[in-house]
Amino acid sequence: MTAEEAKNIIAKGEGINIEFKSCQNEIGSSVYETVCSFLNRSGGYIFIGVNDDKEIVGVNKNNLEAMKKNFVHVVNDPTAFSPKAYVTPEDIEIDGKVIIFVRVEESQYVHRFKHKYYDRNNEADTNVTDNPSLVASLFSRKDTLSYENRLLPMLDLTDLDDATFDYCRKLVIARNDTHAWIKLSNEELLKSCGLMAKDPVTGKIGVKVAALLLFGKDESIASFIPAYRFEAIYRNKTYGRFVLNEVTDSTRYDDRITIRTNLIKAYGLLMDFVYKHLPEKILSSGWINTKRRS
């Protein structure tokens, strides 16, 4: 996020998705309560070094790195957050002052901070632990849609890869050069496939997680779904050695690929890896030599 973008968001003031914290020397416990409530609600922005009057007071530059390091430690500490939260702080300099910016995405899970459930209510982080109906509502809200059908409020078309859309259009043209997709924009294509929809809570049109998985840029996938990846491992050994299942073989591999790109690109990379190690062989079919196609 640029300094100008940060100033524009700060100017809007606090709300259900925006929170200011005036911490200057250390990260206060209330910051983590906000992280928890954003995870449990619809995500949001936290600006550390900004007071409730939208004044940028900044953080102590001498403590900046220690504050960021401590933040990462706490959100990844299973004794503090359950489940752990994968959130990364950034520092932004505005008019000579440094603030810490944290973007929190809505989680597919219900999170607790220090064994307490927090939910976002307008501008407040509400501890709902002792209210059974609100806790039940929290879990119910997370279970209404499958993860792939969830809308990410901070995800937009710029997070999707134009080259992947063009690749899909080329595949369509090869099969049917009059297909409707050919003339559709990226947004229209997503809507036609049901990959964009209206949020039943906010009423806003948003992009689904499924669209990110299929068409997302690598950096967007890393930001929104940091745990996403494919691992393919090749072991060069005979079937006889394979069935022995020796301990030394279980930790050894001859080639490996890690893929962190969208599903459409990932398929091609995985197939290339397969073809690299399993070249097609000539098989006899009657009097005709044919390539193995399965």
C-alpha atoms as a PDB file:
ATOM      1  CA  MET A   1       0.000   0.000   0.000  1.00  0.00           C
ATOM      2  CA  THR A   2       1.305   3.461  -0.911  1.00  0.00           C
ATOM      3  CA  ALA A   3       1.361   6.442   1.446  1.00  0.00           C
ATOM      4  CA  GLU A   4      -1.324   8.164  -0.628  1.00  0.00           C
ATOM      5  CA  GLU A   5      -3.619   5.127  -0.503  1.00  0.00           C
ATOM      6  CA  ALA A   6      -3.127   4.893   3.265  1.00  0.00           C
ATOM      7  CA  LYS A   7      -3.983   8.590   3.733  1.00  0.00           C
ATOM      8  CA  ASN A   8      -7.171   8.179   1.699  1.00  0.00           C
ATOM      9  CA  ILE A   9      -8.331   5.241   3.827  1.00  0.00           C
ATOM     10  CA  ILE A  10      -7.409   6.981   7.093  1.00  0.00           C
ATOM     11  CA  ALA A  11      -9.419  10.031   6.002  1.00  0.00           C
ATOM     12  CA  LYS A  12     -12.572   7.867   5.965  1.00  0.00           C
ATOM     13  CA  GLY A  13     -12.288   7.249   9.698  1.00  0.00           C
ATOM     14  CA  GLU A  14     -12.900   4.096  11.677  1.00  0.00           C
ATOM     15  CA  GLY A  15     -15.604   1.652  10.693  1.00  0.00           C
ATOM     16  CA  ILE A  16     -16.429  -2.021  10.587  1.00  0.00           C
ATOM     17  CA  ASN A  17     -13.374  -2.677   8.368  1.00  0.00           C
ATOM     18  CA  ILE A  18     -11.018   0.113   9.524  1.00  0.00           C
ATOM     19  CA  GLU A  19      -9.347   0.460  12.920  1.00  0.00           C
ATOM     20  CA  PHE A  20      -6.817   2.967  14.297  1.00  0.00           C
ATOM     21  CA  LYS A  21      -4.390   2.223  17.128  1.00  0.00           C
ATOM     22  CA  SER A  22      -2.187   4.926  18.632  1.00  0.00           C
ATOM     23  CA  CYS A  23       0.499   2.499  19.921  1.00  0.00           C
ATOM     24  CA  GLN A  24       3.908   4.132  19.518  1.00  0.00           C
ATOM     25  CA  ASN A  25       6.382   1.958  21.426  1.00  0.00           C
ATOM     26  CA  GLU A  26       4.827  -1.501  21.576  1.00  0.00           C
ATOM     27  CA  ILE A  27       1.871  -3.442  20.194  1.00  0.00           C
ATOM     28  CA  GLY A  28      -1.008  -3.372  22.679  1.00  0.00           C
ATOM     29  CA  SER A  29      -3.307  -6.301  23.378  1.00  0.00           C
ATOM     30  CA  SER A  30      -6.244  -4.450  21.795  1.00  0.00           C
ATOM     31  CA  VAL A  31      -4.503  -4.710  18.403  1.00  0.00           C
ATOM     32  CA  TYR A  32      -4.694  -8.497  18.558  1.00  0.00           C
ATOM     33  CA  GLU A  33      -8.332  -8.329  19.635  1.00  0.00           C
ATOM     34  CA  THR A  34      -8.999  -6.362  16.432  1.00  0.00           C
ATOM     35  CA  VAL A  35      -7.068  -8.911  14.357  1.00  0.00           C
ATOM     36  CA  CYS A  36      -9.236 -11.645  15.860  1.00  0.00           C
ATOM     37  CA  SER A  37     -12.501  -9.791  15.227  1.00  0.00           C
ATOM     38  CA  PHE A  38     -11.502  -8.962  11.623  1.00  0.00           C
ATOM     39  CA  LEU A  39     -10.635 -12.622  11.002  1.00  0.00           C
ATOM     40  CA  ASN A  40     -14.020 -13.639  12.370  1.00  0.00           C
ATOM     41  CA  ARG A  41     -16.026 -10.963  10.530  1.00  0.00           C
ATOM     42  CA  SER A  42     -15.152  -9.645   7.050  1.00  0.00           C
ATOM     43  CA  GLY A  43     -11.509  -8.604   7.295  1.00  0.00           C
ATOM     44  CA  GLY A  44     -10.196  -5.060   7.459  1.00  0.00           C
ATOM     45  CA  TYR A  45      -7.332  -2.599   7.787  1.00  0.00           C
ATOM     46  CA  ILE A  46      -5.460  -1.785  11.010  1.00  0.00           C
ATOM     47  CA  PHE A  47      -3.320   1.363  11.167  1.00  0.00           C
ATOM     48  CA  ILE A  48      -0.915   1.438  14.124  1.00  0.00           C
ATOM     49  CA  GLY A  49       0.377   4.934  14.865  1.00  0.00           C
ATOM     50  CA  VAL A  50      -2.932   6.677  14.108  1.00  0.00           C
ATOM     51  CA  ASN A  51      -5.266   7.947  16.848  1.00  0.00           C
ATOM     52  CA  ASP A  52      -9.067   7.962  16.963  1.00  0.00           C
ATOM     53  CA  ASP A  53      -9.152  11.510  15.551  1.00  0.00           C
ATOM     54  CA  LYS A  54      -7.475  10.277  12.333  1.00  0.00           C
ATOM     55  CA  GLU A  55      -4.243  12.043  13.349  1.00  0.00           C
ATOM     56  CA  ILE A  56      -1.057  10.305  12.212  1.00  0.00           C
ATOM     57  CA  VAL A  57       1.142  10.255  15.320  1.00  0.00           C
ATOM     58  CA  GLY A  58       3.516   7.579  14.028  1.00  0.00           C
ATOM     59  CA  VAL A  59       5.410   4.873  15.891  1.00  0.00           C
ATOM     60  CA  ASN A  60       8.830   5.124  17.473  1.00  0.00           C
ATOM     61  CA  LYS A  61      11.231   4.369  14.600  1.00  0.00           C
ATOM     62  CA  ASN A  62      13.717   2.866  17.056  1.00  0.00           C
ATOM     63  CA  ASN A  63      11.102   0.292  18.060  1.00  0.00           C
ATOM     64  CA  LEU A  64       9.647  -0.303  14.574  1.00  0.00           C
ATOM     65  CA  GLU A  65      11.359  -3.599  13.741  1.00  0.00           C
ATOM     66  CA  ALA A  66      10.837  -4.978  17.251  1.00  0.00           C
ATOM     67  CA  MET A  67       7.119  -4.116  17.075  1.00  0.00           C
ATOM     68  CA  LYS A  68       6.703  -5.848  13.698  1.00  0.00           C
ATOM     69  CA  LYS A  69       8.664  -8.881  14.854  1.00  0.00           C
ATOM     70  CA  ASN A  70       6.622  -9.154  18.050  1.00  0.00           C
ATOM     71  CA  PHE A  71       3.374  -8.840  16.078  1.00  0.00           C
ATOM     72  CA  VAL A  72       4.312 -11.739  13.789  1.00  0.00           C
ATOM     73  CA  HIS A  73       5.378 -13.810  16.802  1.00  0.00           C
ATOM     74  CA  VAL A  74       2.054 -13.314  18.615  1.00  0.00           C
ATOM     75  CA  VAL A  75      -0.278 -14.001  15.661  1.00  0.00           C
ATOM     76  CA  ASN A  76       1.675 -17.209  14.945  1.00  0.00           C
ATOM     77  CA  ASP A  77       1.737 -18.305  18.583  1.00  0.00           C
ATOM     78  CA  PRO A  78      -0.806 -21.137  19.049  1.00  0.00           C
ATOM     79  CA  THR A  79      -1.104 -20.261  22.753  1.00  0.00           C
ATOM     80  CA  ALA A  80      -2.303 -16.772  21.786  1.00  0.00           C
ATOM     81  CA  PHE A  81      -4.254 -17.376  18.563  1.00  0.00           C
ATOM     82  CA  SER A  82      -6.225 -20.535  17.867  1.00  0.00           C
ATOM     83  CA  PRO A  83      -5.979 -21.314  15.016  1.00  0.00           C
ATOM     84  CA  LYS A  84      -2.880 -19.288  14.149  1.00  0.00           C
ATOM     85  CA  ALA A  85      -3.356 -16.164  12.030  1.00  0.00           C
ATOM     86  CA  TYR A  86      -1.174 -15.603   8.966  1.00  0.00           C
ATOM     87  CA  VAL A  87      -1.010 -11.807   8.917  1.00  0.00           C
ATOM     88  CA  THR A  88       2.014  -9.697   7.948  1.00  0.00           C
ATOM     89  CA  PRO A  89       2.587  -6.076   9.088  1.00  0.00           C
ATOM     90  CA  GLU A  90       4.033  -3.431   6.767  1.00  0.00           C
ATOM     91  CA  ASP A  91       5.525  -0.034   7.570  1.00  0.00           C
ATOM     92  CA  ILE A  92       4.543   3.079   5.631  1.00  0.00           C
ATOM     93  CA  GLU A  93       6.119   6.528   5.904  1.00  0.00           C
ATOM     94  CA  ILE A  94       3.647   9.426   5.706  1.00  0.00           C
ATOM     95  CA  ASP A  95       4.814  13.030   6.005  1.00  0.00           C
ATOM     96  CA  GLY A  96       7.959  11.988   7.837  1.00  0.00           C
ATOM     97  CA  LYS A  97       6.176   9.703  10.285  1.00  0.00           C
ATOM     98  CA  VAL A  98       6.142   5.899  10.139  1.00  0.00           C
ATOM     99  CA  ILE A  99       3.015   3.873  10.783  1.00  0.00           C
ATOM    100  CA  ILE A 100       2.418   0.118  10.729  1.00  0.00           C
ATOM    101  CA  PHE A 101      -0.276  -1.129   8.400  1.00  0.00           C
ATOM    102  CA  VAL A 102      -1.912  -4.547   8.748  1.00  0.00           C
ATOM    103  CA  ARG A 103      -4.329  -6.008   6.212  1.00  0.00           C
ATOM    104  CA  VAL A 104      -6.427  -8.788   7.713  1.00  0.00           C
ATOM    105  CA  GLU A 105      -8.391 -11.092   5.417  1.00  0.00           C
ATOM    106  CA  GLU A 106     -11.611 -12.769   6.478  1.00  0.00           C
ATOM    107  CA  SER A 107     -10.796 -16.282   7.635  1.00  0.00           C
ATOM    108  CA  GLN A 108     -12.654 -19.445   6.760  1.00  0.00           C
ATOM    109  CA  TYR A 109     -12.282 -20.468  10.407  1.00  0.00           C
ATOM    110  CA  VAL A 110     -13.464 -19.051  13.730  1.00  0.00           C
ATOM    111  CA  HIS A 111     -10.476 -17.687  15.677  1.00  0.00           C
ATOM    112  CA  ARG A 112      -9.852 -17.111  19.379  1.00  0.00           C
ATOM    113  CA  PHE A 113      -7.375 -14.745  20.991  1.00  0.00           C
ATOM    114  CA  LYS A 114      -6.252 -15.852  24.460  1.00  0.00           C
ATOM    115  CA  HIS A 115      -9.190 -18.289  24.603  1.00  0.00           C
ATOM    116  CA  LYS A 116     -11.747 -15.570  23.845  1.00  0.00           C
ATOM    117  CA  TYR A 117     -13.931 -15.071  20.774  1.00  0.00           C
ATOM    118  CA  TYR A 118     -14.074 -11.567  19.291  1.00  0.00           C
ATOM    119  CA  ASP A 119     -16.445 -10.222  16.647  1.00  0.00           C
ATOM    120  CA  ARG A 120     -16.604  -6.837  14.931  1.00  0.00           C
ATOM    121  CA  ASN A 121     -19.583  -4.630  15.755  1.00  0.00           C
ATOM    122  CA  ASN A 122     -19.396  -1.331  13.824  1.00  0.00           C
ATOM    123  CA  GLU A 123     -16.200   0.282  15.207  1.00  0.00           C
ATOM    124  CA  ALA A 124     -15.827  -2.000  18.232  1.00  0.00           C
ATOM    125  CA  ASP A 125     -14.217  -5.359  18.905  1.00  0.00           C
ATOM    126  CA  THR A 126     -16.733  -7.283  20.981  1.00  0.00           C
ATOM    127  CA  ASN A 127     -15.861 -10.175  23.258  1.00  0.00           C
ATOM    128  CA  VAL A 128     -18.706 -12.621  22.608  1.00  0.00           C
ATOM    129  CA  THR A 129     -17.245 -15.561  24.546  1.00  0.00           C
ATOM    130  CA  ASP A 130     -19.886 -15.522  27.274  1.00  0.00           C
ATOM    131  CA  ASN A 131     -22.788 -15.046  24.879  1.00  0.00           C
ATOM    132  CA  PRO A 132     -23.714 -18.503  23.522  1.00  0.00           C
ATOM    133  CA  SER A 133     -26.082 -17.161  20.861  1.00  0.00           C
ATOM    134  CA  LEU A 134     -23.430 -14.819  19.418  1.00  0.00           C
ATOM    135  CA  VAL A 135     -20.791 -17.559  19.423  1.00  0.00           C
ATOM    136  CA  ALA A 136     -23.243 -19.894  17.670  1.00  0.00           C
ATOM    137  CA  SER A 137     -23.954 -17.146  15.134  1.00  0.00           C
ATOM    138  CA  LEU A 138     -20.215 -16.746  14.570  1.00  0.00           C
ATOM    139  CA  PHE A 139     -19.780 -20.418  13.706  1.00  0.00           C
ATOM    140  CA  SER A 140     -22.963 -20.468  11.643  1.00  0.00           C
ATOM    141  CA  ARG A 141     -21.744 -17.535   9.541  1.00  0.00           C
ATOM    142  CA  LYS A 142     -18.518 -19.368   8.727  1.00  0.00           C
ATOM    143  CA  ASP A 143     -20.387 -22.490   7.653  1.00  0.00           C
ATOM    144  CA  THR A 144     -22.910 -20.894   5.279  1.00  0.00           C
ATOM    145  CA  LEU A 145     -20.702 -21.225   2.182  1.00  0.00           C
ATOM    146  CA  SER A 146     -17.926 -23.497   1.037  1.00  0.00           C
ATOM    147  CA  TYR A 147     -14.523 -21.826   1.147  1.00  0.00           C
ATOM    148  CA  GLU A 148     -14.276 -21.560  -2.651  1.00  0.00           C
ATOM    149  CA  ASN A 149     -17.603 -19.690  -2.792  1.00  0.00           C
ATOM    150  CA  ARG A 150     -16.629 -17.072  -0.241  1.00  0.00           C
ATOM    151  CA  LEU A 151     -16.265 -13.468  -1.351  1.00  0.00           C
ATOM    152  CA  LEU A 152     -13.020 -11.688  -0.485  1.00  0.00           C
ATOM    153  CA  PRO A 153     -13.937  -8.020   0.069  1.00  0.00           C
ATOM    154  CA  MET A 154     -10.397  -6.791  -0.624  1.00  0.00           C
ATOM    155  CA  LEU A 155      -9.919  -8.910  -3.758  1.00  0.00           C
ATOM    156  CA  ASP A 156     -10.563  -7.211  -7.102  1.00  0.00           C
ATOM    157  CA  LEU A 157      -9.932  -7.760 -10.808  1.00  0.00           C
ATOM    158  CA  THR A 158      -6.397  -6.323 -10.595  1.00  0.00           C
ATOM    159  CA  ASP A 159      -5.444  -9.361  -8.467  1.00  0.00           C
ATOM    160  CA  LEU A 160      -6.282 -11.681 -11.381  1.00  0.00           C
ATOM    161  CA  ASP A 161      -3.929 -12.589 -14.221  1.00  0.00           C
ATOM    162  CA  ASP A 162      -4.858 -11.273 -17.692  1.00  0.00           C
ATOM    163  CA  ALA A 163      -2.590 -13.830 -19.393  1.00  0.00           C
ATOM    164  CA  THR A 164      -4.554 -16.705 -17.842  1.00  0.00           C
ATOM    165  CA  PHE A 165      -7.824 -15.255 -19.144  1.00  0.00           C
ATOM    166  CA  ASP A 166      -6.297 -14.949 -22.629  1.00  0.00           C
ATOM    167  CA  TYR A 167      -5.048 -18.535 -22.462  1.00  0.00           C
ATOM    168  CA  CYS A 168      -8.560 -19.762 -21.670  1.00  0.00           C
ATOM    169  CA  ARG A 169     -10.007 -17.758 -24.551  1.00  0.00           C
ATOM    170  CA  LYS A 170      -7.508 -19.379 -26.929  1.00  0.00           C
ATOM    171  CA  LEU A 171      -8.562 -22.829 -25.718  1.00  0.00           C
ATOM    172  CA  VAL A 172     -12.199 -21.906 -26.343  1.00  0.00           C
ATOM    173  CA  ILE A 173     -11.439 -20.562 -29.847  1.00  0.00           C
ATOM    174  CA  ALA A 174      -9.736 -23.860 -30.725  1.00  0.00           C
ATOM    175  CA  ARG A 175     -13.004 -25.675 -30.009  1.00  0.00           C
ATOM    176  CA  ASN A 176     -15.585 -23.077 -31.018  1.00  0.00           C
ATOM    177  CA  ASP A 177     -14.596 -19.783 -32.656  1.00  0.00           C
ATOM    178  CA  THR A 178     -18.095 -18.341 -32.096  1.00  0.00           C
ATOM    179  CA  HIS A 179     -18.185 -18.995 -28.351  1.00  0.00           C
ATOM    180  CA  ALA A 180     -19.591 -16.109 -26.265  1.00  0.00           C
ATOM    181  CA  TRP A 181     -16.503 -16.011 -24.011  1.00  0.00           C
ATOM    182  CA  ILE A 182     -14.361 -14.665 -26.833  1.00  0.00           C
ATOM    183  CA  LYS A 183     -16.041 -11.248 -26.747  1.00  0.00           C
ATOM    184  CA  LEU A 184     -16.584 -11.047 -22.987  1.00  0.00           C
ATOM    185  CA  SER A 185     -14.398  -8.897 -20.741  1.00  0.00           C
ATOM    186  CA  ASN A 186     -12.683 -10.553 -17.780  1.00  0.00           C
ATOM    187  CA  GLU A 187     -15.378  -9.278 -15.431  1.00  0.00           C
ATOM    188  CA  GLU A 188     -18.192 -10.456 -17.689  1.00  0.00           C
ATOM    189  CA  LEU A 189     -16.533 -13.853 -18.018  1.00  0.00           C
ATOM    190  CA  LEU A 190     -16.337 -14.225 -14.233  1.00  0.00           C
ATOM    191  CA  LYS A 191     -19.995 -13.269 -13.837  1.00  0.00           C
ATOM    192  CA  SER A 192     -21.061 -15.745 -16.530  1.00  0.00           C
ATOM    193  CA  CYS A 193     -19.267 -18.519 -14.640  1.00  0.00           C
ATOM    194  CA  GLY A 194     -20.681 -17.528 -11.267  1.00  0.00           C
ATOM    195  CA  LEU A 195     -17.241 -16.486  -9.988  1.00  0.00           C
ATOM    196  CA  MET A 196     -18.511 -13.043  -8.991  1.00  0.00           C
ATOM    197  CA  ALA A 197     -21.567 -12.575  -6.813  1.00  0.00           C
ATOM    198  CA  LYS A 198     -23.342 -10.237  -4.431  1.00  0.00           C
ATOM    199  CA  ASP A 199     -22.417 -10.495  -0.771  1.00  0.00           C
ATOM    200  CA  PRO A 200     -25.646 -11.423   1.061  1.00  0.00           C
ATOM    201  CA  VAL A 201     -24.538  -9.391   4.095  1.00  0.00           C
ATOM    202  CA  THR A 202     -23.120  -6.186   2.584  1.00  0.00           C
ATOM    203  CA  GLY A 203     -24.911  -6.255  -0.772  1.00  0.00           C
ATOM    204  CA  LYS A 204     -21.655  -5.500  -2.617  1.00  0.00           C
ATOM    205  CA  ILE A 205     -20.478  -7.355  -5.722  1.00  0.00           C
ATOM    206  CA  GLY A 206     -17.317  -9.311  -4.979  1.00  0.00           C
ATOM    207  CA  VAL A 207     -14.887 -11.849  -6.414  1.00  0.00           C
ATOM    208  CA  LYS A 208     -15.003 -15.409  -5.074  1.00  0.00           C
ATOM    209  CA  VAL A 209     -12.040 -17.382  -3.780  1.00  0.00           C
ATOM    210  CA  ALA A 210     -12.619 -19.796  -6.682  1.00  0.00           C
ATOM    211  CA  ALA A 211     -11.783 -16.987  -9.141  1.00  0.00           C
ATOM    212  CA  LEU A 212      -8.511 -16.352  -7.310  1.00  0.00           C
ATOM    213  CA  LEU A 213      -7.651 -20.056  -7.398  1.00  0.00           C
ATOM    214  CA  LEU A 214      -8.336 -20.282 -11.138  1.00  0.00           C
ATOM    215  CA  PHE A 215      -7.112 -16.905 -12.439  1.00  0.00           C
ATOM    216  CA  GLY A 216      -5.103 -15.298  -9.617  1.00  0.00           C
ATOM    217  CA  LYS A 217      -1.709 -13.672  -9.989  1.00  0.00           C
ATOM    218  CA  ASP A 218       1.069 -15.466  -8.102  1.00  0.00           C
ATOM    219  CA  GLU A 219       1.585 -12.572  -5.698  1.00  0.00           C
ATOM    220  CA  SER A 220      -2.166 -12.306  -5.026  1.00  0.00           C
ATOM    221  CA  ILE A 221      -2.442 -16.011  -4.207  1.00  0.00           C
ATOM    222  CA  ALA A 222       0.582 -15.703  -1.893  1.00  0.00           C
ATOM    223  CA  SER A 223      -1.098 -12.758  -0.141  1.00  0.00           C
ATOM    224  CA  PHE A 224      -4.638 -14.094   0.210  1.00  0.00           C
ATOM    225  CA  ILE A 225      -3.950 -17.852   0.498  1.00  0.00           C
ATOM    226  CA  PRO A 226      -0.373 -18.152   1.848  1.00  0.00           C
ATOM    227  CA  ALA A 227      -0.649 -21.905   2.549  1.00  0.00           C
ATOM    228  CA  TYR A 228      -1.609 -22.733  -1.062  1.00  0.00           C
ATOM    229  CA  ARG A 229       0.902 -24.841  -2.998  1.00  0.00           C
ATOM    230  CA  PHE A 230       1.440 -28.097  -4.899  1.00  0.00           C
ATOM    231  CA  GLU A 231       4.352 -30.461  -4.315  1.00  0.00           C
ATOM    232  CA  ALA A 232       5.319 -33.109  -6.884  1.00  0.00           C
ATOM    233  CA  ILE A 233       8.104 -35.582  -6.090  1.00  0.00           C
ATOM    234  CA  TYR A 234       9.767 -38.079  -8.420  1.00  0.00           C
ATOM    235  CA  ARG A 235      11.608 -41.146  -7.123  1.00  0.00           C
ATOM    236  CA  ASN A 236      13.642 -43.155  -9.590  1.00  0.00           C
ATOM    237  CA  LYS A 237      13.360 -46.772  -8.418  1.00  0.00           C
ATOM    238  CA  THR A 238      11.988 -50.086  -9.557  1.00  0.00           C
ATOM    239  CA  TYR A 239       8.666 -51.506  -8.428  1.00  0.00           C
ATOM    240  CA  GLY A 240      10.499 -54.183  -6.443  1.00  0.00           C
ATOM    241  CA  ARG A 241      12.363 -51.537  -4.500  1.00  0.00           C
ATOM    242  CA  PHE A 242       9.177 -49.519  -4.078  1.00  0.00           C
ATOM    243  CA  VAL A 243       7.279 -52.345  -2.359  1.00  0.00           C
ATOM    244  CA  LEU A 244      10.162 -52.865   0.078  1.00  0.00           C
ATOM    245  CA  ASN A 245       9.326 -49.429   1.484  1.00  0.00           C
ATOM    246  CA  GLU A 246      12.737 -48.923   3.069  1.00  0.00           C
ATOM    247  CA  VAL A 247      13.270 -46.044   5.491  1.00  0.00           C
ATOM    248  CA  THR A 248      16.094 -44.613   3.377  1.00  0.00           C
ATOM    249  CA  ASP A 249      13.744 -44.334   0.396  1.00  0.00           C
ATOM    250  CA  SER A 250      11.029 -42.500   2.331  1.00  0.00           C
ATOM    251  CA  THR A 251      13.200 -39.394   2.754  1.00  0.00           C
ATOM    252  CA  ARG A 252      14.938 -39.431  -0.630  1.00  0.00           C
ATOM    253  CA  TYR A 253      13.740 -38.058  -3.939  1.00  0.00           C
ATOM    254  CA  ASP A 254      15.384 -37.571  -7.326  1.00  0.00           C
ATOM    255  CA  ASP A 255      13.449 -34.513  -8.455  1.00  0.00           C
ATOM    256  CA  ARG A 256      10.900 -32.195  -6.943  1.00  0.00           C
ATOM    257  CA  ILE A 257       8.768 -29.234  -7.969  1.00  0.00           C
ATOM    258  CA  THR A 258       6.890 -26.732  -5.790  1.00  0.00           C
ATOM    259  CA  ILE A 259       4.099 -24.818  -7.523  1.00  0.00           C
ATOM    260  CA  ARG A 260       2.425 -21.706  -6.134  1.00  0.00           C
ATOM    261  CA  THR A 261       0.536 -20.441  -9.171  1.00  0.00           C
ATOM    262  CA  ASN A 262      -3.140 -20.556 -10.148  1.00  0.00           C
ATOM    263  CA  LEU A 263      -4.800 -23.886 -10.941  1.00  0.00           C
ATOM    264  CA  ILE A 264      -4.862 -23.357 -14.693  1.00  0.00           C
ATOM    265  CA  LYS A 265      -1.121 -22.680 -14.866  1.00  0.00           C
ATOM    266  CA  ALA A 266      -0.394 -25.301 -12.213  1.00  0.00           C
ATOM    267  CA  TYR A 267      -1.971 -28.030 -14.349  1.00  0.00           C
ATOM    268  CA  GLY A 268       0.432 -27.308 -17.211  1.00  0.00           C
ATOM    269  CA  LEU A 269       3.455 -27.221 -14.900  1.00  0.00           C
ATOM    270  CA  LEU A 270       2.496 -30.504 -13.261  1.00  0.00           C
ATOM    271  CA  MET A 271       1.981 -32.182 -16.648  1.00  0.00           C
ATOM    272  CA  ASP A 272       5.380 -30.922 -17.816  1.00  0.00           C
ATOM    273  CA  PHE A 273       6.918 -32.485 -14.704  1.00  0.00           C
ATOM    274  CA  VAL A 274       5.161 -35.772 -15.455  1.00  0.00           C
ATOM    275  CA  TYR A 275       6.265 -35.793 -19.112  1.00  0.00           C
ATOM    276  CA  LYS A 276       9.822 -34.976 -18.037  1.00  0.00           C
ATOM    277  CA  HIS A 277      10.129 -38.201 -16.051  1.00  0.00           C
ATOM    278  CA  LEU A 278       7.571 -40.449 -17.779  1.00  0.00           C
ATOM    279  CA  PRO A 279       8.280 -40.077 -21.513  1.00  0.00           C
ATOM    280  CA  GLU A 280       5.753 -41.562 -23.891  1.00  0.00           C
ATOM    281  CA  LYS A 281       6.638 -45.016 -25.134  1.00  0.00           C
ATOM    282  CA  ILE A 282       5.674 -46.755 -28.393  1.00  0.00           C
ATOM    283  CA  LEU A 283       3.030 -49.434 -27.912  1.00  0.00           C
ATOM    284  CA  SER A 284       1.895 -51.954 -30.492  1.00  0.00           C
ATOM    285  CA  SER A 285      -1.782 -51.893 -31.441  1.00  0.00           C
ATOM    286  CA  GLY A 286      -2.292 -54.574 -34.036  1.00  0.00           C
ATOM    287  CA  TRP A 287      -0.081 -53.666 -37.006  1.00  0.00           C
ATOM    288  CA  ILE A 288       0.102 -49.994 -36.009  1.00  0.00           C
ATOM    289  CA  ASN A 289       2.619 -48.385 -33.635  1.00  0.00           C
ATOM    290  CA  THR A 290       0.879 -45.813 -31.428  1.00  0.00           C
ATOM    291  CA  LYS A 291       1.963 -43.516 -28.617  1.00  0.00           C
ATOM    292  CA  ARG A 292       0.721 -44.140 -25.107  1.00  0.00           C
ATOM    293  CA  ARG A 293      -2.051 -41.604 -24.537  1.00  0.00           C
ATOM    294  CA  SER A 294      -3.182 -42.311 -20.985  1.00  0.00           C
END
